[in-house]
Amino acid sequence: IAKLQVAGLDLPDDEDDPKPPPEPPYAAIALNPGVTITTGKAAAQCG
């Protein structure tokens, strides 16, 4: 694990085909739209 890269994990999103929410119950998570973070950072925050 230690040899794997931490920085630079930033991936695009498919804005034209957002996935609908699943049937309840589920956990909804929202990221702060006023804060710019990479995908790697966002993944950790969602975790």
ModelCIF file with pLDDT and N, C-alpha, C, O atoms, coordinates in Angstrom:
data_MODEL
#
_entry.id   MODEL 
#
_entity.id                         1 
_entity.type                       polymer 
_entity.pdbx_number_of_molecules   1 
#
_entity_poly.entity_id                      1 
_entity_poly.type                           'polypeptide(L)' 
_entity_poly.nstd_linkage                   no 
_entity_poly.nstd_monomer                   no 
_entity_poly.pdbx_seq_one_letter_code       IAKLQVAGLDLPDDEDDPKPPPEPPYAAIALNPGVTITTGKAAAQCG 
_entity_poly.pdbx_seq_one_letter_code_can   IAKLQVAGLDLPDDEDDPKPPPEPPYAAIALNPGVTITTGKAAAQCG 
_entity_poly.pdbx_strand_id                 A 
#
loop_
_entity_poly_seq.entity_id 
_entity_poly_seq.num 
_entity_poly_seq.mon_id 
_entity_poly_seq.hetero 
1 1  ILE n 
1 2  ALA n 
1 3  LYS n 
1 4  LEU n 
1 5  GLN n 
1 6  VAL n 
1 7  ALA n 
1 8  GLY n 
1 9  LEU n 
1 10 ASP n 
1 11 LEU n 
1 12 PRO n 
1 13 ASP n 
1 14 ASP n 
1 15 GLU n 
1 16 ASP n 
1 17 ASP n 
1 18 PRO n 
1 19 LYS n 
1 20 PRO n 
1 21 PRO n 
1 22 PRO n 
1 23 GLU n 
1 24 PRO n 
1 25 PRO n 
1 26 TYR n 
1 27 ALA n 
1 28 ALA n 
1 29 ILE n 
1 30 ALA n 
1 31 LEU n 
1 32 ASN n 
1 33 PRO n 
1 34 GLY n 
1 35 VAL n 
1 36 THR n 
1 37 ILE n 
1 38 THR n 
1 39 THR n 
1 40 GLY n 
1 41 LYS n 
1 42 ALA n 
1 43 ALA n 
1 44 ALA n 
1 45 GLN n 
1 46 CYS n 
1 47 GLY n 
#
_struct_asym.id          A 
_struct_asym.entity_id   1 
#
loop_
_ma_qa_metric.id 
_ma_qa_metric.mode 
_ma_qa_metric.name 
_ma_qa_metric.software_group_id 
_ma_qa_metric.type 
1 global pLDDT . pLDDT 
2 local  pLDDT . pLDDT 
#
_ma_qa_metric_global.metric_id      1 
_ma_qa_metric_global.metric_value   92.19 
_ma_qa_metric_global.model_id       1 
_ma_qa_metric_global.ordinal_id     1 
#
loop_
_ma_qa_metric_local.label_asym_id 
_ma_qa_metric_local.label_comp_id 
_ma_qa_metric_local.label_seq_id 
_ma_qa_metric_local.metric_id 
_ma_qa_metric_local.metric_value 
_ma_qa_metric_local.model_id 
_ma_qa_metric_local.ordinal_id 
A ILE 1  2 98.00 1 1  
A ALA 2  2 97.00 1 2  
A LYS 3  2 97.00 1 3  
A LEU 4  2 97.00 1 4  
A GLN 5  2 94.00 1 5  
A VAL 6  2 93.00 1 6  
A ALA 7  2 83.00 1 7  
A GLY 8  2 83.00 1 8  
A LEU 9  2 91.00 1 9  
A ASP 10 2 94.00 1 10 
A LEU 11 2 94.00 1 11 
A PRO 12 2 91.00 1 12 
A ASP 13 2 87.00 1 13 
A ASP 14 2 75.00 1 14 
A GLU 15 2 67.00 1 15 
A ASP 16 2 66.00 1 16 
A ASP 17 2 70.00 1 17 
A PRO 18 2 74.00 1 18 
A LYS 19 2 82.00 1 19 
A PRO 20 2 89.00 1 20 
A PRO 21 2 92.00 1 21 
A PRO 22 2 94.00 1 22 
A GLU 23 2 95.00 1 23 
A PRO 24 2 97.00 1 24 
A PRO 25 2 98.00 1 25 
A TYR 26 2 98.00 1 26 
A ALA 27 2 98.00 1 27 
A ALA 28 2 98.00 1 28 
A ILE 29 2 98.00 1 29 
A ALA 30 2 98.00 1 30 
A LEU 31 2 97.00 1 31 
A ASN 32 2 97.00 1 32 
A PRO 33 2 95.00 1 33 
A GLY 34 2 96.00 1 34 
A VAL 35 2 96.00 1 35 
A THR 36 2 95.00 1 36 
A ILE 37 2 96.00 1 37 
A THR 38 2 96.00 1 38 
A THR 39 2 97.00 1 39 
A GLY 40 2 97.00 1 40 
A LYS 41 2 97.00 1 41 
A ALA 42 2 97.00 1 42 
A ALA 43 2 98.00 1 43 
A ALA 44 2 97.00 1 44 
A GLN 45 2 98.00 1 45 
A CYS 46 2 98.00 1 46 
A GLY 47 2 98.00 1 47 
#
loop_
_atom_site.group_PDB 
_atom_site.id 
_atom_site.type_symbol 
_atom_site.label_atom_id 
_atom_site.label_alt_id 
_atom_site.label_comp_id 
_atom_site.label_asym_id 
_atom_site.label_entity_id 
_atom_site.label_seq_id 
_atom_site.pdbx_PDB_ins_code 
_atom_site.Cartn_x 
_atom_site.Cartn_y 
_atom_site.Cartn_z 
_atom_site.occupancy 
_atom_site.B_iso_or_equiv 
_atom_site.pdbx_formal_charge 
_atom_site.auth_seq_id 
_atom_site.auth_comp_id 
_atom_site.auth_asym_id 
_atom_site.auth_atom_id 
_atom_site.pdbx_PDB_model_num 
ATOM 1   N N  . ILE A 1 1  ? 0.827   -1.208 0.000   1.00 98.00 ? 1  ILE A N  1 
ATOM 2   C CA . ILE A 1 1  ? 0.000   0.000  0.000   1.00 98.00 ? 1  ILE A CA 1 
ATOM 3   C C  . ILE A 1 1  ? 0.860   1.257  0.000   1.00 98.00 ? 1  ILE A C  1 
ATOM 4   O O  . ILE A 1 1  ? 0.562   2.221  -0.706  1.00 98.00 ? 1  ILE A O  1 
ATOM 5   N N  . ALA A 1 2  ? 1.923   1.243  0.790   1.00 97.00 ? 2  ALA A N  1 
ATOM 6   C CA . ALA A 1 2  ? 2.768   2.436  0.955   1.00 97.00 ? 2  ALA A CA 1 
ATOM 7   C C  . ALA A 1 2  ? 3.340   2.929  -0.365  1.00 97.00 ? 2  ALA A C  1 
ATOM 8   O O  . ALA A 1 2  ? 3.569   4.128  -0.530  1.00 97.00 ? 2  ALA A O  1 
ATOM 9   N N  . LYS A 1 3  ? 3.573   2.023  -1.305  1.00 97.00 ? 3  LYS A N  1 
ATOM 10  C CA . LYS A 1 3  ? 4.174   2.440  -2.576  1.00 97.00 ? 3  LYS A CA 1 
ATOM 11  C C  . LYS A 1 3  ? 3.155   3.012  -3.558  1.00 97.00 ? 3  LYS A C  1 
ATOM 12  O O  . LYS A 1 3  ? 3.530   3.493  -4.628  1.00 97.00 ? 3  LYS A O  1 
ATOM 13  N N  . LEU A 1 4  ? 1.878   2.966  -3.208  1.00 97.00 ? 4  LEU A N  1 
ATOM 14  C CA . LEU A 1 4  ? 0.854   3.503  -4.097  1.00 97.00 ? 4  LEU A CA 1 
ATOM 15  C C  . LEU A 1 4  ? 0.743   5.013  -3.930  1.00 97.00 ? 4  LEU A C  1 
ATOM 16  O O  . LEU A 1 4  ? 0.931   5.544  -2.836  1.00 97.00 ? 4  LEU A O  1 
ATOM 17  N N  . GLN A 1 5  ? 0.436   5.696  -5.025  1.00 94.00 ? 5  GLN A N  1 
ATOM 18  C CA . GLN A 1 5  ? 0.385   7.158  -5.022  1.00 94.00 ? 5  GLN A CA 1 
ATOM 19  C C  . GLN A 1 5  ? -0.833  7.675  -4.277  1.00 94.00 ? 5  GLN A C  1 
ATOM 20  O O  . GLN A 1 5  ? -1.940  7.157  -4.428  1.00 94.00 ? 5  GLN A O  1 
ATOM 21  N N  . VAL A 1 6  ? -0.608  8.713  -3.462  1.00 93.00 ? 6  VAL A N  1 
ATOM 22  C CA . VAL A 1 6  ? -1.691  9.366  -2.730  1.00 93.00 ? 6  VAL A CA 1 
ATOM 23  C C  . VAL A 1 6  ? -2.220  10.564 -3.512  1.00 93.00 ? 6  VAL A C  1 
ATOM 24  O O  . VAL A 1 6  ? -3.418  10.656 -3.780  1.00 93.00 ? 6  VAL A O  1 
ATOM 25  N N  . ALA A 1 7  ? -1.333  11.471 -3.874  1.00 83.00 ? 7  ALA A N  1 
ATOM 26  C CA . ALA A 1 7  ? -1.751  12.702 -4.554  1.00 83.00 ? 7  ALA A CA 1 
ATOM 27  C C  . ALA A 1 7  ? -2.128  12.435 -6.010  1.00 83.00 ? 7  ALA A C  1 
ATOM 28  O O  . ALA A 1 7  ? -1.664  11.475 -6.626  1.00 83.00 ? 7  ALA A O  1 
ATOM 29  N N  . GLY A 1 8  ? -2.969  13.297 -6.533  1.00 83.00 ? 8  GLY A N  1 
ATOM 30  C CA . GLY A 1 8  ? -3.253  13.265 -7.970  1.00 83.00 ? 8  GLY A CA 1 
ATOM 31  C C  . GLY A 1 8  ? -4.427  12.421 -8.394  1.00 83.00 ? 8  GLY A C  1 
ATOM 32  O O  . GLY A 1 8  ? -4.687  12.295 -9.591  1.00 83.00 ? 8  GLY A O  1 
ATOM 33  N N  . LEU A 1 9  ? -5.159  11.829 -7.440  1.00 91.00 ? 9  LEU A N  1 
ATOM 34  C CA . LEU A 1 9  ? -6.337  11.045 -7.818  1.00 91.00 ? 9  LEU A CA 1 
ATOM 35  C C  . LEU A 1 9  ? -7.510  12.002 -8.002  1.00 91.00 ? 9  LEU A C  1 
ATOM 36  O O  . LEU A 1 9  ? -8.193  12.350 -7.039  1.00 91.00 ? 9  LEU A O  1 
ATOM 37  N N  . ASP A 1 10 ? -7.737  12.423 -9.236  1.00 94.00 ? 10 ASP A N  1 
ATOM 38  C CA . ASP A 1 10 ? -8.819  13.358 -9.539  1.00 94.00 ? 10 ASP A CA 1 
ATOM 39  C C  . ASP A 1 10 ? -9.483  12.892 -10.824 1.00 94.00 ? 10 ASP A C  1 
ATOM 40  O O  . ASP A 1 10 ? -8.867  12.899 -11.890 1.00 94.00 ? 10 ASP A O  1 
ATOM 41  N N  . LEU A 1 11 ? -10.731 12.491 -10.720 1.00 94.00 ? 11 LEU A N  1 
ATOM 42  C CA . LEU A 1 11 ? -11.432 11.867 -11.837 1.00 94.00 ? 11 LEU A CA 1 
ATOM 43  C C  . LEU A 1 11 ? -12.625 12.707 -12.270 1.00 94.00 ? 11 LEU A C  1 
ATOM 44  O O  . LEU A 1 11 ? -13.233 13.385 -11.442 1.00 94.00 ? 11 LEU A O  1 
ATOM 45  N N  . PRO A 1 12 ? -12.966 12.674 -13.547 1.00 91.00 ? 12 PRO A N  1 
ATOM 46  C CA . PRO A 1 12 ? -14.136 13.435 -14.020 1.00 91.00 ? 12 PRO A CA 1 
ATOM 47  C C  . PRO A 1 12 ? -15.427 12.757 -13.624 1.00 91.00 ? 12 PRO A C  1 
ATOM 48  O O  . PRO A 1 12 ? -15.452 11.578 -13.274 1.00 91.00 ? 12 PRO A O  1 
ATOM 49  N N  . ASP A 1 13 ? -16.507 13.530 -13.687 1.00 87.00 ? 13 ASP A N  1 
ATOM 50  C CA . ASP A 1 13 ? -17.823 12.982 -13.419 1.00 87.00 ? 13 ASP A CA 1 
ATOM 51  C C  . ASP A 1 13 ? -18.643 13.026 -14.697 1.00 87.00 ? 13 ASP A C  1 
ATOM 52  O O  . ASP A 1 13 ? -18.396 13.855 -15.573 1.00 87.00 ? 13 ASP A O  1 
ATOM 53  N N  . ASP A 1 14 ? -19.609 12.143 -14.801 1.00 75.00 ? 14 ASP A N  1 
ATOM 54  C CA . ASP A 1 14 ? -20.498 12.129 -15.955 1.00 75.00 ? 14 ASP A CA 1 
ATOM 55  C C  . ASP A 1 14 ? -21.702 13.014 -15.638 1.00 75.00 ? 14 ASP A C  1 
ATOM 56  O O  . ASP A 1 14 ? -22.740 12.532 -15.186 1.00 75.00 ? 14 ASP A O  1 
ATOM 57  N N  . GLU A 1 15 ? -21.549 14.293 -15.878 1.00 67.00 ? 15 GLU A N  1 
ATOM 58  C CA . GLU A 1 15 ? -22.602 15.248 -15.535 1.00 67.00 ? 15 GLU A CA 1 
ATOM 59  C C  . GLU A 1 15 ? -23.872 15.043 -16.353 1.00 67.00 ? 15 GLU A C  1 
ATOM 60  O O  . GLU A 1 15 ? -24.958 15.434 -15.926 1.00 67.00 ? 15 GLU A O  1 
ATOM 61  N N  . ASP A 1 16 ? -23.738 14.427 -17.535 1.00 66.00 ? 16 ASP A N  1 
ATOM 62  C CA . ASP A 1 16 ? -24.899 14.260 -18.406 1.00 66.00 ? 16 ASP A CA 1 
ATOM 63  C C  . ASP A 1 16 ? -25.757 13.051 -18.036 1.00 66.00 ? 16 ASP A C  1 
ATOM 64  O O  . ASP A 1 16 ? -26.876 12.903 -18.526 1.00 66.00 ? 16 ASP A O  1 
ATOM 65  N N  . ASP A 1 17 ? -25.223 12.184 -17.166 1.00 70.00 ? 17 ASP A N  1 
ATOM 66  C CA . ASP A 1 17 ? -25.961 10.967 -16.828 1.00 70.00 ? 17 ASP A CA 1 
ATOM 67  C C  . ASP A 1 17 ? -25.814 10.656 -15.342 1.00 70.00 ? 17 ASP A C  1 
ATOM 68  O O  . ASP A 1 17 ? -25.280 9.608  -14.979 1.00 70.00 ? 17 ASP A O  1 
ATOM 69  N N  . PRO A 1 18 ? -26.286 11.563 -14.475 1.00 74.00 ? 18 PRO A N  1 
ATOM 70  C CA . PRO A 1 18 ? -26.166 11.307 -13.036 1.00 74.00 ? 18 PRO A CA 1 
ATOM 71  C C  . PRO A 1 18 ? -27.030 10.128 -12.624 1.00 74.00 ? 18 PRO A C  1 
ATOM 72  O O  . PRO A 1 18 ? -28.149 9.963  -13.110 1.00 74.00 ? 18 PRO A O  1 
ATOM 73  N N  . LYS A 1 19 ? -26.507 9.323  -11.737 1.00 82.00 ? 19 LYS A N  1 
ATOM 74  C CA . LYS A 1 19 ? -27.242 8.156  -11.276 1.00 82.00 ? 19 LYS A CA 1 
ATOM 75  C C  . LYS A 1 19 ? -28.344 8.576  -10.314 1.00 82.00 ? 19 LYS A C  1 
ATOM 76  O O  . LYS A 1 19 ? -28.096 9.373  -9.409  1.00 82.00 ? 19 LYS A O  1 
ATOM 77  N N  . PRO A 1 20 ? -29.555 8.057  -10.490 1.00 89.00 ? 20 PRO A N  1 
ATOM 78  C CA . PRO A 1 20 ? -30.635 8.379  -9.554  1.00 89.00 ? 20 PRO A CA 1 
ATOM 79  C C  . PRO A 1 20 ? -30.386 7.698  -8.210  1.00 89.00 ? 20 PRO A C  1 
ATOM 80  O O  . PRO A 1 20 ? -29.644 6.718  -8.146  1.00 89.00 ? 20 PRO A O  1 
ATOM 81  N N  . PRO A 1 21 ? -30.992 8.200  -7.141  1.00 92.00 ? 21 PRO A N  1 
ATOM 82  C CA . PRO A 1 21 ? -30.810 7.532  -5.844  1.00 92.00 ? 21 PRO A CA 1 
ATOM 83  C C  . PRO A 1 21 ? -31.451 6.160  -5.855  1.00 92.00 ? 21 PRO A C  1 
ATOM 84  O O  . PRO A 1 21 ? -32.402 5.923  -6.600  1.00 92.00 ? 21 PRO A O  1 
ATOM 85  N N  . PRO A 1 22 ? -30.942 5.258  -5.038  1.00 94.00 ? 22 PRO A N  1 
ATOM 86  C CA . PRO A 1 22 ? -31.545 3.927  -4.946  1.00 94.00 ? 22 PRO A CA 1 
ATOM 87  C C  . PRO A 1 22 ? -32.855 3.987  -4.171  1.00 94.00 ? 22 PRO A C  1 
ATOM 88  O O  . PRO A 1 22 ? -33.221 5.033  -3.635  1.00 94.00 ? 22 PRO A O  1 
ATOM 89  N N  . GLU A 1 23 ? -33.542 2.883  -4.118  1.00 95.00 ? 23 GLU A N  1 
ATOM 90  C CA . GLU A 1 23 ? -34.736 2.792  -3.282  1.00 95.00 ? 23 GLU A CA 1 
ATOM 91  C C  . GLU A 1 23 ? -34.312 2.872  -1.817  1.00 95.00 ? 23 GLU A C  1 
ATOM 92  O O  . GLU A 1 23 ? -33.302 2.278  -1.438  1.00 95.00 ? 23 GLU A O  1 
ATOM 93  N N  . PRO A 1 24 ? -35.066 3.595  -0.988  1.00 97.00 ? 24 PRO A N  1 
ATOM 94  C CA . PRO A 1 24 ? -34.745 3.632  0.445   1.00 97.00 ? 24 PRO A CA 1 
ATOM 95  C C  . PRO A 1 24 ? -34.845 2.227  1.053   1.00 97.00 ? 24 PRO A C  1 
ATOM 96  O O  . PRO A 1 24 ? -35.587 1.378  0.559   1.00 97.00 ? 24 PRO A O  1 
ATOM 97  N N  . PRO A 1 25 ? -34.090 1.997  2.130   1.00 98.00 ? 25 PRO A N  1 
ATOM 98  C CA . PRO A 1 25 ? -33.242 2.939  2.860   1.00 98.00 ? 25 PRO A CA 1 
ATOM 99  C C  . PRO A 1 25 ? -31.842 3.015  2.252   1.00 98.00 ? 25 PRO A C  1 
ATOM 100 O O  . PRO A 1 25 ? -31.323 2.042  1.704   1.00 98.00 ? 25 PRO A O  1 
ATOM 101 N N  . TYR A 1 26 ? -31.252 4.203  2.369   1.00 98.00 ? 26 TYR A N  1 
ATOM 102 C CA . TYR A 1 26 ? -29.873 4.386  1.935   1.00 98.00 ? 26 TYR A CA 1 
ATOM 103 C C  . TYR A 1 26 ? -29.294 5.599  2.663   1.00 98.00 ? 26 TYR A C  1 
ATOM 104 O O  . TYR A 1 26 ? -30.027 6.408  3.232   1.00 98.00 ? 26 TYR A O  1 
ATOM 105 N N  . ALA A 1 27 ? -27.982 5.706  2.632   1.00 98.00 ? 27 ALA A N  1 
ATOM 106 C CA . ALA A 1 27 ? -27.305 6.859  3.211   1.00 98.00 ? 27 ALA A CA 1 
ATOM 107 C C  . ALA A 1 27 ? -27.080 7.894  2.122   1.00 98.00 ? 27 ALA A C  1 
ATOM 108 O O  . ALA A 1 27 ? -26.504 7.586  1.078   1.00 98.00 ? 27 ALA A O  1 
ATOM 109 N N  . ALA A 1 28 ? -27.530 9.109  2.358   1.00 98.00 ? 28 ALA A N  1 
ATOM 110 C CA . ALA A 1 28 ? -27.271 10.220 1.436   1.00 98.00 ? 28 ALA A CA 1 
ATOM 111 C C  . ALA A 1 28 ? -26.089 11.015 1.974   1.00 98.00 ? 28 ALA A C  1 
ATOM 112 O O  . ALA A 1 28 ? -26.056 11.390 3.146   1.00 98.00 ? 28 ALA A O  1 
ATOM 113 N N  . ILE A 1 29 ? -25.125 11.264 1.102   1.00 98.00 ? 29 ILE A N  1 
ATOM 114 C CA . ILE A 1 29 ? -23.949 12.050 1.456   1.00 98.00 ? 29 ILE A CA 1 
ATOM 115 C C  . ILE A 1 29 ? -23.844 13.203 0.473   1.00 98.00 ? 29 ILE A C  1 
ATOM 116 O O  . ILE A 1 29 ? -23.959 13.005 -0.736  1.00 98.00 ? 29 ILE A O  1 
ATOM 117 N N  . ALA A 1 30 ? -23.628 14.399 0.983   1.00 98.00 ? 30 ALA A N  1 
ATOM 118 C CA . ALA A 1 30 ? -23.445 15.574 0.132   1.00 98.00 ? 30 ALA A CA 1 
ATOM 119 C C  . ALA A 1 30 ? -22.109 16.214 0.457   1.00 98.00 ? 30 ALA A C  1 
ATOM 120 O O  . ALA A 1 30 ? -21.748 16.371 1.623   1.00 98.00 ? 30 ALA A O  1 
ATOM 121 N N  . LEU A 1 31 ? -21.376 16.585 -0.589  1.00 97.00 ? 31 LEU A N  1 
ATOM 122 C CA . LEU A 1 31 ? -20.108 17.288 -0.439  1.00 97.00 ? 31 LEU A CA 1 
ATOM 123 C C  . LEU A 1 31 ? -20.354 18.790 -0.525  1.00 97.00 ? 31 LEU A C  1 
ATOM 124 O O  . LEU A 1 31 ? -21.219 19.243 -1.275  1.00 97.00 ? 31 LEU A O  1 
ATOM 125 N N  . ASN A 1 32 ? -19.602 19.544 0.233   1.00 97.00 ? 32 ASN A N  1 
ATOM 126 C CA . ASN A 1 32 ? -19.745 21.002 0.264   1.00 97.00 ? 32 ASN A CA 1 
ATOM 127 C C  . ASN A 1 32 ? -19.441 21.591 -1.115  1.00 97.00 ? 32 ASN A C  1 
ATOM 128 O O  . ASN A 1 32 ? -18.304 21.493 -1.576  1.00 97.00 ? 32 ASN A O  1 
ATOM 129 N N  . PRO A 1 33 ? -20.426 22.200 -1.789  1.00 95.00 ? 33 PRO A N  1 
ATOM 130 C CA . PRO A 1 33 ? -20.199 22.741 -3.134  1.00 95.00 ? 33 PRO A CA 1 
ATOM 131 C C  . PRO A 1 33 ? -19.266 23.952 -3.134  1.00 95.00 ? 33 PRO A C  1 
ATOM 132 O O  . PRO A 1 33 ? -18.769 24.354 -4.186  1.00 95.00 ? 33 PRO A O  1 
ATOM 133 N N  . GLY A 1 34 ? -19.029 24.531 -1.961  1.00 96.00 ? 34 GLY A N  1 
ATOM 134 C CA . GLY A 1 34 ? -18.152 25.688 -1.890  1.00 96.00 ? 34 GLY A CA 1 
ATOM 135 C C  . GLY A 1 34 ? -16.695 25.344 -1.643  1.00 96.00 ? 34 GLY A C  1 
ATOM 136 O O  . GLY A 1 34 ? -15.859 26.235 -1.494  1.00 96.00 ? 34 GLY A O  1 
ATOM 137 N N  . VAL A 1 35 ? -16.386 24.048 -1.598  1.00 96.00 ? 35 VAL A N  1 
ATOM 138 C CA . VAL A 1 35 ? -15.016 23.599 -1.336  1.00 96.00 ? 35 VAL A CA 1 
ATOM 139 C C  . VAL A 1 35 ? -14.551 22.736 -2.503  1.00 96.00 ? 35 VAL A C  1 
ATOM 140 O O  . VAL A 1 35 ? -15.225 21.777 -2.878  1.00 96.00 ? 35 VAL A O  1 
ATOM 141 N N  . THR A 1 36 ? -13.406 23.076 -3.073  1.00 95.00 ? 36 THR A N  1 
ATOM 142 C CA . THR A 1 36 ? -12.848 22.308 -4.181  1.00 95.00 ? 36 THR A CA 1 
ATOM 143 C C  . THR A 1 36 ? -11.828 21.308 -3.642  1.00 95.00 ? 36 THR A C  1 
ATOM 144 O O  . THR A 1 36 ? -10.826 21.695 -3.041  1.00 95.00 ? 36 THR A O  1 
ATOM 145 N N  . ILE A 1 37 ? -12.089 20.026 -3.860  1.00 96.00 ? 37 ILE A N  1 
ATOM 146 C CA . ILE A 1 37 ? -11.175 18.973 -3.427  1.00 96.00 ? 37 ILE A CA 1 
ATOM 147 C C  . ILE A 1 37 ? -11.060 17.917 -4.522  1.00 96.00 ? 37 ILE A C  1 
ATOM 148 O O  . ILE A 1 37 ? -11.937 17.803 -5.378  1.00 96.00 ? 37 ILE A O  1 
ATOM 149 N N  . THR A 1 38 ? -9.987  17.156 -4.490  1.00 96.00 ? 38 THR A N  1 
ATOM 150 C CA . THR A 1 38 ? -9.763  16.105 -5.474  1.00 96.00 ? 38 THR A CA 1 
ATOM 151 C C  . THR A 1 38 ? -10.666 14.907 -5.184  1.00 96.00 ? 38 THR A C  1 
ATOM 152 O O  . THR A 1 38 ? -11.301 14.832 -4.132  1.00 96.00 ? 38 THR A O  1 
ATOM 153 N N  . THR A 1 39 ? -10.710 13.980 -6.130  1.00 97.00 ? 39 THR A N  1 
ATOM 154 C CA . THR A 1 39 ? -11.495 12.769 -5.925  1.00 97.00 ? 39 THR A CA 1 
ATOM 155 C C  . THR A 1 39 ? -10.972 11.972 -4.732  1.00 97.00 ? 39 THR A C  1 
ATOM 156 O O  . THR A 1 39 ? -11.756 11.433 -3.950  1.00 97.00 ? 39 THR A O  1 
ATOM 157 N N  . GLY A 1 40 ? -9.655  11.899 -4.594  1.00 97.00 ? 40 GLY A N  1 
ATOM 158 C CA . GLY A 1 40 ? -9.093  11.167 -3.469  1.00 97.00 ? 40 GLY A CA 1 
ATOM 159 C C  . GLY A 1 40 ? -9.521  11.753 -2.139  1.00 97.00 ? 40 GLY A C  1 
ATOM 160 O O  . GLY A 1 40 ? -9.903  11.023 -1.224  1.00 97.00 ? 40 GLY A O  1 
ATOM 161 N N  . LYS A 1 41 ? -9.456  13.069 -2.032  1.00 97.00 ? 41 LYS A N  1 
ATOM 162 C CA . LYS A 1 41 ? -9.878  13.737 -0.800  1.00 97.00 ? 41 LYS A CA 1 
ATOM 163 C C  . LYS A 1 41 ? -11.372 13.553 -0.581  1.00 97.00 ? 41 LYS A C  1 
ATOM 164 O O  . LYS A 1 41 ? -11.810 13.285 0.538   1.00 97.00 ? 41 LYS A O  1 
ATOM 165 N N  . ALA A 1 42 ? -12.159 13.697 -1.650  1.00 97.00 ? 42 ALA A N  1 
ATOM 166 C CA . ALA A 1 42 ? -13.608 13.532 -1.540  1.00 97.00 ? 42 ALA A CA 1 
ATOM 167 C C  . ALA A 1 42 ? -13.970 12.118 -1.102  1.00 97.00 ? 42 ALA A C  1 
ATOM 168 O O  . ALA A 1 42 ? -14.893 11.930 -0.310  1.00 97.00 ? 42 ALA A O  1 
ATOM 169 N N  . ALA A 1 43 ? -13.255 11.131 -1.610  1.00 98.00 ? 43 ALA A N  1 
ATOM 170 C CA . ALA A 1 43 ? -13.516 9.745  -1.223  1.00 98.00 ? 43 ALA A CA 1 
ATOM 171 C C  . ALA A 1 43 ? -13.287 9.549  0.269   1.00 98.00 ? 43 ALA A C  1 
ATOM 172 O O  . ALA A 1 43 ? -14.074 8.886  0.944   1.00 98.00 ? 43 ALA A O  1 
ATOM 173 N N  . ALA A 1 44 ? -12.205 10.129 0.778   1.00 97.00 ? 44 ALA A N  1 
ATOM 174 C CA . ALA A 1 44 ? -11.927 10.019 2.210   1.00 97.00 ? 44 ALA A CA 1 
ATOM 175 C C  . ALA A 1 44 ? -12.997 10.715 3.031   1.00 97.00 ? 44 ALA A C  1 
ATOM 176 O O  . ALA A 1 44 ? -13.414 10.201 4.068   1.00 97.00 ? 44 ALA A O  1 
ATOM 177 N N  . GLN A 1 45 ? -13.451 11.893 2.574   1.00 98.00 ? 45 GLN A N  1 
ATOM 178 C CA . GLN A 1 45 ? -14.487 12.632 3.307   1.00 98.00 ? 45 GLN A CA 1 
ATOM 179 C C  . GLN A 1 45 ? -15.810 11.868 3.313   1.00 98.00 ? 45 GLN A C  1 
ATOM 180 O O  . GLN A 1 45 ? -16.517 11.858 4.321   1.00 98.00 ? 45 GLN A O  1 
ATOM 181 N N  . CYS A 1 46 ? -16.142 11.237 2.204   1.00 98.00 ? 46 CYS A N  1 
ATOM 182 C CA . CYS A 1 46 ? -17.363 10.423 2.155   1.00 98.00 ? 46 CYS A CA 1 
ATOM 183 C C  . CYS A 1 46 ? -17.233 9.215  3.076   1.00 98.00 ? 46 CYS A C  1 
ATOM 184 O O  . CYS A 1 46 ? -18.205 8.797  3.705   1.00 98.00 ? 46 CYS A O  1 
ATOM 185 N N  . GLY A 1 47 ? -16.029 8.660  3.150   1.00 98.00 ? 47 GLY A N  1 
ATOM 186 C CA . GLY A 1 47 ? -15.788 7.575  4.093   1.00 98.00 ? 47 GLY A CA 1 
ATOM 187 C C  . GLY A 1 47 ? -15.991 8.032  5.523   1.00 98.00 ? 47 GLY A C  1 
ATOM 188 O O  . GLY A 1 47 ? -15.829 7.241  6.453   1.00 98.00 ? 47 GLY A O  1 
#
